[in-house]
Amino acid sequence: MPKSTKNQIMNALAELLQTKRLDDITVTELVEQCGLSRQAFYYHFSDLYALRSLVVPLHQGVGYFIAALYAVASRVER
């Protein structure tokens, strides 16, 4: 099943944020990353900051979840 356009954009931003700051990412670079048009981006998001408000909390939540798993695993190993 193909990913939704919105998910493609969100995933592309998450990938770019691993190597760049948000202020250094352009909409053009983002849509090239996921193979979409600028119009597709602006259909779903007003700007990069609107997109970031969705992606960054999700990304942080995953990080907290992984950290919690490591903490539990380290207690089990003892």
C-alpha atoms as a PDB file:
ATOM      1  CA  MET A   1       0.000   0.000   0.000  1.00  0.00           C
ATOM      2  CA  PRO A   2       1.503   3.385  -0.980  1.00  0.00           C
ATOM      3  CA  LYS A   3       2.232   5.955   1.711  1.00  0.00           C
ATOM      4  CA  SER A   4       0.071   9.019   1.867  1.00  0.00           C
ATOM      5  CA  THR A   5       1.576  12.233   0.549  1.00  0.00           C
ATOM      6  CA  LYS A   6       1.483  13.774   4.009  1.00  0.00           C
ATOM      7  CA  ASN A   7       3.386  10.810   5.475  1.00  0.00           C
ATOM      8  CA  GLN A   8       5.960  10.957   2.677  1.00  0.00           C
ATOM      9  CA  ILE A   9       6.622  14.618   3.469  1.00  0.00           C
ATOM     10  CA  MET A  10       6.809  13.969   7.207  1.00  0.00           C
ATOM     11  CA  ASN A  11       9.241  11.085   6.720  1.00  0.00           C
ATOM     12  CA  ALA A  12      11.412  13.137   4.373  1.00  0.00           C
ATOM     13  CA  LEU A  13      11.666  15.916   6.959  1.00  0.00           C
ATOM     14  CA  ALA A  14      12.550  13.424   9.690  1.00  0.00           C
ATOM     15  CA  GLU A  15      15.342  12.064   7.473  1.00  0.00           C
ATOM     16  CA  LEU A  16      16.698  15.520   6.656  1.00  0.00           C
ATOM     17  CA  LEU A  17      16.607  16.550  10.326  1.00  0.00           C
ATOM     18  CA  GLN A  18      19.105  13.801  11.090  1.00  0.00           C
ATOM     19  CA  THR A  19      21.798  15.731   9.228  1.00  0.00           C
ATOM     20  CA  LYS A  20      20.560  19.339   9.029  1.00  0.00           C
ATOM     21  CA  ARG A  21      18.911  21.992  11.155  1.00  0.00           C
ATOM     22  CA  LEU A  22      15.355  22.953  10.235  1.00  0.00           C
ATOM     23  CA  ASP A  23      16.514  26.469   9.370  1.00  0.00           C
ATOM     24  CA  ASP A  24      18.850  24.967   6.749  1.00  0.00           C
ATOM     25  CA  ILE A  25      16.157  22.869   5.011  1.00  0.00           C
ATOM     26  CA  THR A  26      14.172  24.321   2.124  1.00  0.00           C
ATOM     27  CA  VAL A  27      10.786  23.227   0.806  1.00  0.00           C
ATOM     28  CA  THR A  28      12.468  22.502  -2.535  1.00  0.00           C
ATOM     29  CA  GLU A  29      15.011  20.227  -0.882  1.00  0.00           C
ATOM     30  CA  LEU A  30      12.283  18.509   1.102  1.00  0.00           C
ATOM     31  CA  VAL A  31      10.051  17.753  -1.869  1.00  0.00           C
ATOM     32  CA  GLU A  32      13.037  16.551  -3.901  1.00  0.00           C
ATOM     33  CA  GLN A  33      13.836  14.163  -1.045  1.00  0.00           C
ATOM     34  CA  CYS A  34      10.422  12.536  -1.347  1.00  0.00           C
ATOM     35  CA  GLY A  35       9.820  13.046  -5.079  1.00  0.00           C
ATOM     36  CA  LEU A  36       6.823  15.340  -4.772  1.00  0.00           C
ATOM     37  CA  SER A  37       5.954  18.815  -6.031  1.00  0.00           C
ATOM     38  CA  ARG A  38       5.996  22.044  -4.026  1.00  0.00           C
ATOM     39  CA  GLN A  39       2.240  22.254  -4.674  1.00  0.00           C
ATOM     40  CA  ALA A  40       1.781  18.901  -2.916  1.00  0.00           C
ATOM     41  CA  PHE A  41       3.715  20.233   0.065  1.00  0.00           C
ATOM     42  CA  TYR A  42       1.679  23.441   0.307  1.00  0.00           C
ATOM     43  CA  TYR A  43      -1.578  21.523  -0.087  1.00  0.00           C
ATOM     44  CA  HIS A  44      -0.836  19.794   3.225  1.00  0.00           C
ATOM     45  CA  PHE A  45       1.290  22.336   5.128  1.00  0.00           C
ATOM     46  CA  SER A  46       1.458  26.139   5.244  1.00  0.00           C
ATOM     47  CA  ASP A  47       5.245  26.115   5.778  1.00  0.00           C
ATOM     48  CA  LEU A  48       8.107  24.019   7.180  1.00  0.00           C
ATOM     49  CA  TYR A  49       7.335  25.113  10.731  1.00  0.00           C
ATOM     50  CA  ALA A  50       3.781  23.763  10.498  1.00  0.00           C
ATOM     51  CA  LEU A  51       5.235  20.456   9.339  1.00  0.00           C
ATOM     52  CA  ARG A  52       7.861  20.504  12.076  1.00  0.00           C
ATOM     53  CA  SER A  53       5.204  20.911  14.746  1.00  0.00           C
ATOM     54  CA  LEU A  54       3.946  17.446  13.753  1.00  0.00           C
ATOM     55  CA  VAL A  55       7.241  15.669  13.061  1.00  0.00           C
ATOM     56  CA  VAL A  56       9.465  16.760  15.936  1.00  0.00           C
ATOM     57  CA  PRO A  57       7.133  15.641  18.780  1.00  0.00           C
ATOM     58  CA  LEU A  58       6.706  12.280  17.055  1.00  0.00           C
ATOM     59  CA  HIS A  59      10.452  11.956  16.660  1.00  0.00           C
ATOM     60  CA  GLN A  60      11.053  12.907  20.297  1.00  0.00           C
ATOM     61  CA  GLY A  61       8.387  10.479  21.468  1.00  0.00           C
ATOM     62  CA  VAL A  62      10.128   7.629  19.689  1.00  0.00           C
ATOM     63  CA  GLY A  63      13.427   8.674  21.263  1.00  0.00           C
ATOM     64  CA  TYR A  64      11.897   8.680  24.747  1.00  0.00           C
ATOM     65  CA  PHE A  65      10.338   5.279  24.099  1.00  0.00           C
ATOM     66  CA  ILE A  66      13.678   3.795  23.001  1.00  0.00           C
ATOM     67  CA  ALA A  67      15.437   5.297  26.025  1.00  0.00           C
ATOM     68  CA  ALA A  68      12.811   3.753  28.302  1.00  0.00           C
ATOM     69  CA  LEU A  69      13.312   0.359  26.655  1.00  0.00           C
ATOM     70  CA  TYR A  70      17.073   0.574  27.237  1.00  0.00           C
ATOM     71  CA  ALA A  71      16.493   1.500  30.877  1.00  0.00           C
ATOM     72  CA  VAL A  72      14.212  -1.502  31.402  1.00  0.00           C
ATOM     73  CA  ALA A  73      16.613  -3.810  29.563  1.00  0.00           C
ATOM     74  CA  SER A  74      19.560  -2.680  31.691  1.00  0.00           C
ATOM     75  CA  ARG A  75      17.589  -3.467  34.865  1.00  0.00           C
ATOM     76  CA  VAL A  76      16.682  -6.932  33.561  1.00  0.00           C
ATOM     77  CA  GLU A  77      20.312  -7.751  32.724  1.00  0.00           C
ATOM     78  CA  ARG A  78      21.472  -7.111  36.309  1.00  0.00           C
END
